[in-house]
């Protein structure tokens, strides 16, 4: 089993979500994150003063999958989130050493729906 973490542009979230659903991946965790990187944050103007927001708003997805679905999810996210511009994001894949479904008590790949 693997965990995929993807940091993507907020405006690409719906496209990524729909693309994953088309591949049969209907569940994941997501939340808003802020980062700083090569693509600099925006400068905002308020009443004539310029403020540096200093961060970039993004969405972070976390998906835990059986090994057989990892490549499909990885390629689907990469394709749906791509714009070709700086700041498209990152996809990380890491091994999951153990997992247990709290409700059912099932462990390993039996504990997830895929």
N, C-alpha and C. Protein backbone atom coordinates (compact mmCIF):
# COMPACT_ATOMS: atom_id res chain seq x y z
N UNK A 1 0.83 -1.17 0.00
CA UNK A 1 0.00 0.00 0.00
C UNK A 1 0.88 1.24 0.00
N UNK A 2 0.31 2.30 -0.57
CA UNK A 2 1.05 3.54 -0.70
C UNK A 2 0.15 4.71 -0.31
N UNK A 3 0.80 5.80 0.05
CA UNK A 3 0.10 7.05 0.32
C UNK A 3 0.54 8.06 -0.73
N UNK A 4 -0.42 8.65 -1.41
CA UNK A 4 -0.13 9.70 -2.37
C UNK A 4 -0.52 11.03 -1.74
N UNK A 5 0.42 11.96 -1.75
CA UNK A 5 0.15 13.33 -1.32
C UNK A 5 0.37 14.21 -2.54
N UNK A 6 -0.60 15.03 -2.85
CA UNK A 6 -0.50 15.92 -4.01
C UNK A 6 -0.85 17.34 -3.57
N UNK A 7 0.02 18.26 -3.91
CA UNK A 7 -0.22 19.67 -3.66
C UNK A 7 -0.51 20.30 -5.02
N UNK A 8 -1.73 20.81 -5.18
CA UNK A 8 -2.17 21.30 -6.49
C UNK A 8 -2.76 22.71 -6.37
N UNK A 9 -2.92 23.35 -7.53
CA UNK A 9 -3.59 24.65 -7.58
C UNK A 9 -5.06 24.48 -7.15
N UNK A 10 -5.55 25.44 -6.41
CA UNK A 10 -6.95 25.39 -5.94
C UNK A 10 -7.92 25.32 -7.11
N UNK A 11 -7.64 26.04 -8.18
CA UNK A 11 -8.56 26.08 -9.32
C UNK A 11 -8.58 24.76 -10.09
N UNK A 12 -7.63 23.87 -9.88
CA UNK A 12 -7.60 22.57 -10.56
C UNK A 12 -8.23 21.45 -9.73
N UNK A 13 -8.67 21.78 -8.51
CA UNK A 13 -9.18 20.75 -7.60
C UNK A 13 -10.36 19.97 -8.20
N UNK A 14 -11.37 20.68 -8.71
CA UNK A 14 -12.55 19.98 -9.24
C UNK A 14 -12.18 19.07 -10.41
N UNK A 15 -11.28 19.52 -11.26
CA UNK A 15 -10.86 18.71 -12.40
C UNK A 15 -10.13 17.44 -11.92
N UNK A 16 -9.28 17.58 -10.92
CA UNK A 16 -8.57 16.42 -10.36
C UNK A 16 -9.57 15.47 -9.71
N UNK A 17 -10.49 16.01 -8.93
CA UNK A 17 -11.50 15.18 -8.24
C UNK A 17 -12.34 14.39 -9.25
N UNK A 18 -12.79 15.04 -10.30
CA UNK A 18 -13.61 14.37 -11.31
C UNK A 18 -12.80 13.32 -12.08
N UNK A 19 -11.55 13.63 -12.38
CA UNK A 19 -10.69 12.67 -13.09
C UNK A 19 -10.44 11.43 -12.25
N UNK A 20 -10.20 11.61 -10.95
CA UNK A 20 -10.01 10.47 -10.06
C UNK A 20 -11.29 9.64 -9.98
N UNK A 21 -12.45 10.30 -9.91
CA UNK A 21 -13.72 9.58 -9.85
C UNK A 21 -13.94 8.73 -11.10
N UNK A 22 -13.55 9.25 -12.26
CA UNK A 22 -13.66 8.49 -13.51
C UNK A 22 -12.83 7.22 -13.49
N UNK A 23 -11.75 7.22 -12.70
CA UNK A 23 -10.87 6.05 -12.57
C UNK A 23 -11.28 5.15 -11.40
N UNK A 24 -12.40 5.48 -10.74
CA UNK A 24 -12.90 4.65 -9.65
C UNK A 24 -12.32 5.00 -8.29
N UNK A 25 -11.67 6.14 -8.18
CA UNK A 25 -11.10 6.58 -6.89
C UNK A 25 -11.99 7.70 -6.37
N UNK A 26 -12.84 7.35 -5.39
CA UNK A 26 -13.87 8.27 -4.92
C UNK A 26 -13.62 8.81 -3.53
N UNK A 27 -12.55 8.43 -2.90
CA UNK A 27 -12.34 8.87 -1.53
C UNK A 27 -10.90 9.32 -1.32
N UNK A 28 -10.78 10.44 -0.65
CA UNK A 28 -9.47 10.98 -0.27
C UNK A 28 -9.70 12.11 0.72
N UNK A 29 -8.65 12.51 1.36
CA UNK A 29 -8.69 13.65 2.28
C UNK A 29 -8.08 14.84 1.56
N UNK A 30 -8.65 16.01 1.77
CA UNK A 30 -8.06 17.21 1.20
C UNK A 30 -8.23 18.37 2.17
N UNK A 31 -7.32 19.31 2.05
CA UNK A 31 -7.40 20.52 2.87
C UNK A 31 -6.62 21.64 2.22
N UNK A 32 -6.94 22.86 2.62
CA UNK A 32 -6.25 24.02 2.09
C UNK A 32 -4.92 24.18 2.80
N UNK A 33 -3.88 24.44 2.02
CA UNK A 33 -2.55 24.66 2.59
C UNK A 33 -1.99 25.94 2.00
N UNK A 34 -0.94 26.43 2.61
CA UNK A 34 -0.24 27.60 2.11
C UNK A 34 1.23 27.24 1.98
N UNK A 35 1.86 27.75 0.94
CA UNK A 35 3.26 27.43 0.73
C UNK A 35 4.01 28.62 0.17
N UNK A 36 5.29 28.42 0.01
CA UNK A 36 6.15 29.44 -0.55
C UNK A 36 7.18 28.73 -1.41
N UNK A 37 7.36 29.18 -2.63
CA UNK A 37 8.29 28.49 -3.52
C UNK A 37 8.76 29.38 -4.63
N UNK A 38 9.07 28.76 -5.78
CA UNK A 38 9.56 29.51 -6.93
C UNK A 38 8.55 30.52 -7.43
N UNK A 39 7.28 30.16 -7.37
CA UNK A 39 6.23 31.09 -7.75
C UNK A 39 5.95 31.94 -6.52
N UNK A 40 6.28 33.20 -6.57
CA UNK A 40 6.16 34.06 -5.39
C UNK A 40 4.71 34.38 -5.09
N UNK A 41 4.46 34.73 -3.82
CA UNK A 41 3.12 35.14 -3.42
C UNK A 41 2.75 36.48 -4.03
N UNK A 42 1.49 36.82 -3.92
CA UNK A 42 0.98 38.05 -4.51
C UNK A 42 1.23 39.24 -3.61
N UNK A 43 1.40 40.39 -4.23
CA UNK A 43 1.43 41.64 -3.49
C UNK A 43 0.03 42.22 -3.56
N UNK A 44 -0.51 42.57 -2.41
CA UNK A 44 -1.85 43.12 -2.34
C UNK A 44 -1.77 44.60 -2.01
N UNK A 45 -2.70 45.36 -2.56
CA UNK A 45 -2.75 46.80 -2.29
C UNK A 45 -4.02 47.10 -1.51
N UNK A 46 -3.86 47.80 -0.40
CA UNK A 46 -5.01 48.18 0.41
C UNK A 46 -4.83 49.62 0.85
N UNK A 47 -5.71 50.50 0.41
CA UNK A 47 -5.67 51.92 0.73
C UNK A 47 -4.32 52.55 0.42
N UNK A 48 -3.78 52.17 -0.73
CA UNK A 48 -2.54 52.76 -1.19
C UNK A 48 -1.28 52.10 -0.65
N UNK A 49 -1.41 51.23 0.32
CA UNK A 49 -0.24 50.53 0.88
C UNK A 49 -0.13 49.15 0.22
N UNK A 50 1.09 48.71 -0.04
CA UNK A 50 1.32 47.41 -0.66
C UNK A 50 1.71 46.40 0.41
N UNK A 51 1.00 45.28 0.42
CA UNK A 51 1.26 44.20 1.37
C UNK A 51 1.68 42.96 0.61
N UNK A 52 2.69 42.28 1.11
CA UNK A 52 3.13 41.02 0.51
C UNK A 52 2.43 39.88 1.22
N UNK A 53 1.56 39.18 0.51
CA UNK A 53 0.86 38.05 1.11
C UNK A 53 1.86 36.96 1.50
N UNK A 54 2.95 36.82 0.72
CA UNK A 54 4.05 35.95 1.10
C UNK A 54 3.79 34.46 1.03
N UNK A 55 2.66 34.06 0.57
CA UNK A 55 2.36 32.64 0.48
C UNK A 55 1.47 32.39 -0.73
N UNK A 56 1.34 31.13 -1.08
CA UNK A 56 0.51 30.73 -2.20
C UNK A 56 -0.50 29.70 -1.69
N UNK A 57 -1.77 29.96 -1.90
CA UNK A 57 -2.82 29.03 -1.47
C UNK A 57 -2.89 27.84 -2.42
N UNK A 58 -2.95 26.65 -1.86
CA UNK A 58 -3.04 25.42 -2.63
C UNK A 58 -3.97 24.44 -1.91
N UNK A 59 -4.27 23.34 -2.58
CA UNK A 59 -5.03 22.23 -2.00
C UNK A 59 -4.08 21.05 -1.87
N UNK A 60 -4.15 20.36 -0.75
CA UNK A 60 -3.34 19.15 -0.57
C UNK A 60 -4.29 17.95 -0.47
N UNK A 61 -4.06 16.96 -1.33
CA UNK A 61 -4.82 15.72 -1.31
C UNK A 61 -3.99 14.64 -0.65
N UNK A 62 -4.63 13.76 0.08
CA UNK A 62 -3.97 12.57 0.63
C UNK A 62 -4.85 11.37 0.29
N UNK A 63 -4.24 10.38 -0.35
CA UNK A 63 -4.97 9.18 -0.77
C UNK A 63 -4.15 7.97 -0.36
N UNK A 64 -4.78 7.00 0.28
CA UNK A 64 -4.12 5.73 0.60
C UNK A 64 -4.74 4.67 -0.30
N UNK A 65 -3.87 4.00 -1.06
CA UNK A 65 -4.32 3.06 -2.09
C UNK A 65 -3.56 1.74 -2.04
N UNK A 66 -4.21 0.70 -2.54
CA UNK A 66 -3.52 -0.55 -2.79
C UNK A 66 -2.52 -0.31 -3.92
N UNK A 67 -1.44 -1.07 -3.94
CA UNK A 67 -0.37 -0.86 -4.92
C UNK A 67 -0.87 -0.87 -6.36
N UNK A 68 -1.88 -1.66 -6.66
CA UNK A 68 -2.36 -1.78 -8.03
C UNK A 68 -3.02 -0.51 -8.57
N UNK A 69 -3.44 0.40 -7.69
CA UNK A 69 -4.11 1.63 -8.12
C UNK A 69 -3.20 2.86 -8.08
N UNK A 70 -2.00 2.71 -7.55
CA UNK A 70 -1.12 3.86 -7.34
C UNK A 70 -0.73 4.55 -8.65
N UNK A 71 -0.29 3.79 -9.63
CA UNK A 71 0.15 4.38 -10.90
C UNK A 71 -0.99 5.12 -11.60
N UNK A 72 -2.18 4.53 -11.57
CA UNK A 72 -3.34 5.18 -12.18
C UNK A 72 -3.64 6.51 -11.50
N UNK A 73 -3.67 6.53 -10.18
CA UNK A 73 -3.95 7.76 -9.45
C UNK A 73 -2.86 8.80 -9.69
N UNK A 74 -1.61 8.36 -9.68
CA UNK A 74 -0.46 9.24 -9.89
C UNK A 74 -0.56 9.94 -11.24
N UNK A 75 -0.78 9.18 -12.30
CA UNK A 75 -0.86 9.75 -13.65
C UNK A 75 -2.12 10.60 -13.82
N UNK A 76 -3.22 10.20 -13.21
CA UNK A 76 -4.47 10.96 -13.31
C UNK A 76 -4.31 12.34 -12.67
N UNK A 77 -3.72 12.39 -11.50
CA UNK A 77 -3.50 13.67 -10.83
C UNK A 77 -2.55 14.55 -11.64
N UNK A 78 -1.47 13.95 -12.11
CA UNK A 78 -0.48 14.72 -12.89
C UNK A 78 -1.11 15.34 -14.13
N UNK A 79 -1.94 14.58 -14.81
CA UNK A 79 -2.57 15.08 -16.04
C UNK A 79 -3.61 16.16 -15.74
N UNK A 80 -4.46 15.92 -14.76
CA UNK A 80 -5.55 16.85 -14.46
C UNK A 80 -5.07 18.15 -13.83
N UNK A 81 -3.97 18.11 -13.09
CA UNK A 81 -3.47 19.30 -12.39
C UNK A 81 -2.50 20.13 -13.24
N UNK A 82 -2.10 19.61 -14.39
CA UNK A 82 -1.08 20.25 -15.22
C UNK A 82 -1.59 21.51 -15.92
N UNK A 83 -0.83 22.60 -15.81
CA UNK A 83 -1.09 23.81 -16.60
C UNK A 83 0.14 24.20 -17.42
N UNK A 84 1.31 23.71 -17.00
CA UNK A 84 2.55 24.05 -17.67
C UNK A 84 3.20 25.29 -17.11
N UNK A 85 2.62 25.89 -16.09
CA UNK A 85 3.15 27.10 -15.48
C UNK A 85 3.89 26.74 -14.19
N UNK A 86 4.77 27.66 -13.73
CA UNK A 86 5.39 27.50 -12.42
C UNK A 86 4.29 27.38 -11.37
N UNK A 87 4.50 26.51 -10.40
CA UNK A 87 3.55 26.37 -9.31
C UNK A 87 2.45 25.36 -9.53
N UNK A 88 2.59 24.48 -10.53
CA UNK A 88 1.58 23.44 -10.74
C UNK A 88 1.46 22.51 -9.55
N UNK A 89 2.52 22.31 -8.81
CA UNK A 89 2.45 21.49 -7.60
C UNK A 89 3.38 20.31 -7.61
N UNK A 90 3.16 19.41 -6.67
CA UNK A 90 4.00 18.23 -6.46
C UNK A 90 3.12 17.02 -6.17
N UNK A 91 3.65 15.85 -6.51
CA UNK A 91 3.00 14.59 -6.13
C UNK A 91 4.06 13.74 -5.44
N UNK A 92 3.75 13.26 -4.25
CA UNK A 92 4.66 12.41 -3.51
C UNK A 92 4.00 11.05 -3.28
N UNK A 93 4.77 9.99 -3.42
CA UNK A 93 4.27 8.64 -3.16
C UNK A 93 5.18 8.02 -2.11
N UNK A 94 4.59 7.57 -1.00
CA UNK A 94 5.37 6.97 0.08
C UNK A 94 4.72 5.65 0.49
N UNK A 95 5.52 4.72 0.98
CA UNK A 95 4.96 3.44 1.44
C UNK A 95 4.19 3.62 2.75
N UNK A 96 3.15 2.81 2.90
CA UNK A 96 2.39 2.77 4.15
C UNK A 96 2.77 1.48 4.85
N UNK A 97 3.34 1.60 6.02
CA UNK A 97 3.82 0.42 6.75
C UNK A 97 2.70 -0.37 7.40
N UNK A 98 1.71 0.33 7.92
CA UNK A 98 0.57 -0.36 8.51
C UNK A 98 -0.63 0.57 8.50
N UNK A 99 -1.82 -0.05 8.49
CA UNK A 99 -3.06 0.71 8.50
C UNK A 99 -4.14 -0.15 9.13
N UNK A 100 -5.02 0.50 9.88
CA UNK A 100 -6.11 -0.23 10.54
C UNK A 100 -7.37 0.62 10.46
N UNK A 101 -8.47 0.02 10.04
CA UNK A 101 -9.76 0.69 10.01
C UNK A 101 -10.30 0.69 11.43
N UNK A 102 -10.53 1.85 11.99
CA UNK A 102 -10.95 1.96 13.39
C UNK A 102 -12.31 1.31 13.61
N UNK A 103 -13.26 1.53 12.71
CA UNK A 103 -14.61 0.99 12.88
C UNK A 103 -14.64 -0.53 12.79
N UNK A 104 -14.07 -1.07 11.72
CA UNK A 104 -14.19 -2.51 11.46
C UNK A 104 -13.08 -3.35 12.12
N UNK A 105 -11.97 -2.70 12.43
CA UNK A 105 -10.85 -3.44 12.99
C UNK A 105 -10.00 -4.14 11.95
N UNK A 106 -10.37 -4.02 10.66
CA UNK A 106 -9.60 -4.65 9.58
C UNK A 106 -8.25 -3.95 9.42
N UNK A 107 -7.25 -4.74 9.04
CA UNK A 107 -5.92 -4.18 8.86
C UNK A 107 -5.42 -4.45 7.44
N UNK A 108 -4.39 -3.69 7.04
CA UNK A 108 -3.79 -3.86 5.73
C UNK A 108 -4.72 -3.40 4.61
N UNK A 109 -4.55 -4.01 3.45
CA UNK A 109 -5.34 -3.59 2.28
C UNK A 109 -6.83 -3.86 2.44
N UNK A 110 -7.21 -4.73 3.36
CA UNK A 110 -8.64 -4.99 3.60
C UNK A 110 -9.31 -3.81 4.30
N UNK A 111 -8.51 -2.92 4.89
CA UNK A 111 -9.06 -1.82 5.67
C UNK A 111 -9.50 -0.64 4.81
N UNK A 112 -9.12 -0.63 3.53
CA UNK A 112 -9.51 0.47 2.65
C UNK A 112 -10.45 -0.06 1.58
N UNK A 113 -11.21 0.85 0.96
CA UNK A 113 -12.21 0.43 -0.02
C UNK A 113 -11.63 0.01 -1.35
N UNK A 114 -10.42 0.44 -1.66
CA UNK A 114 -9.80 0.04 -2.94
C UNK A 114 -8.71 -0.95 -2.62
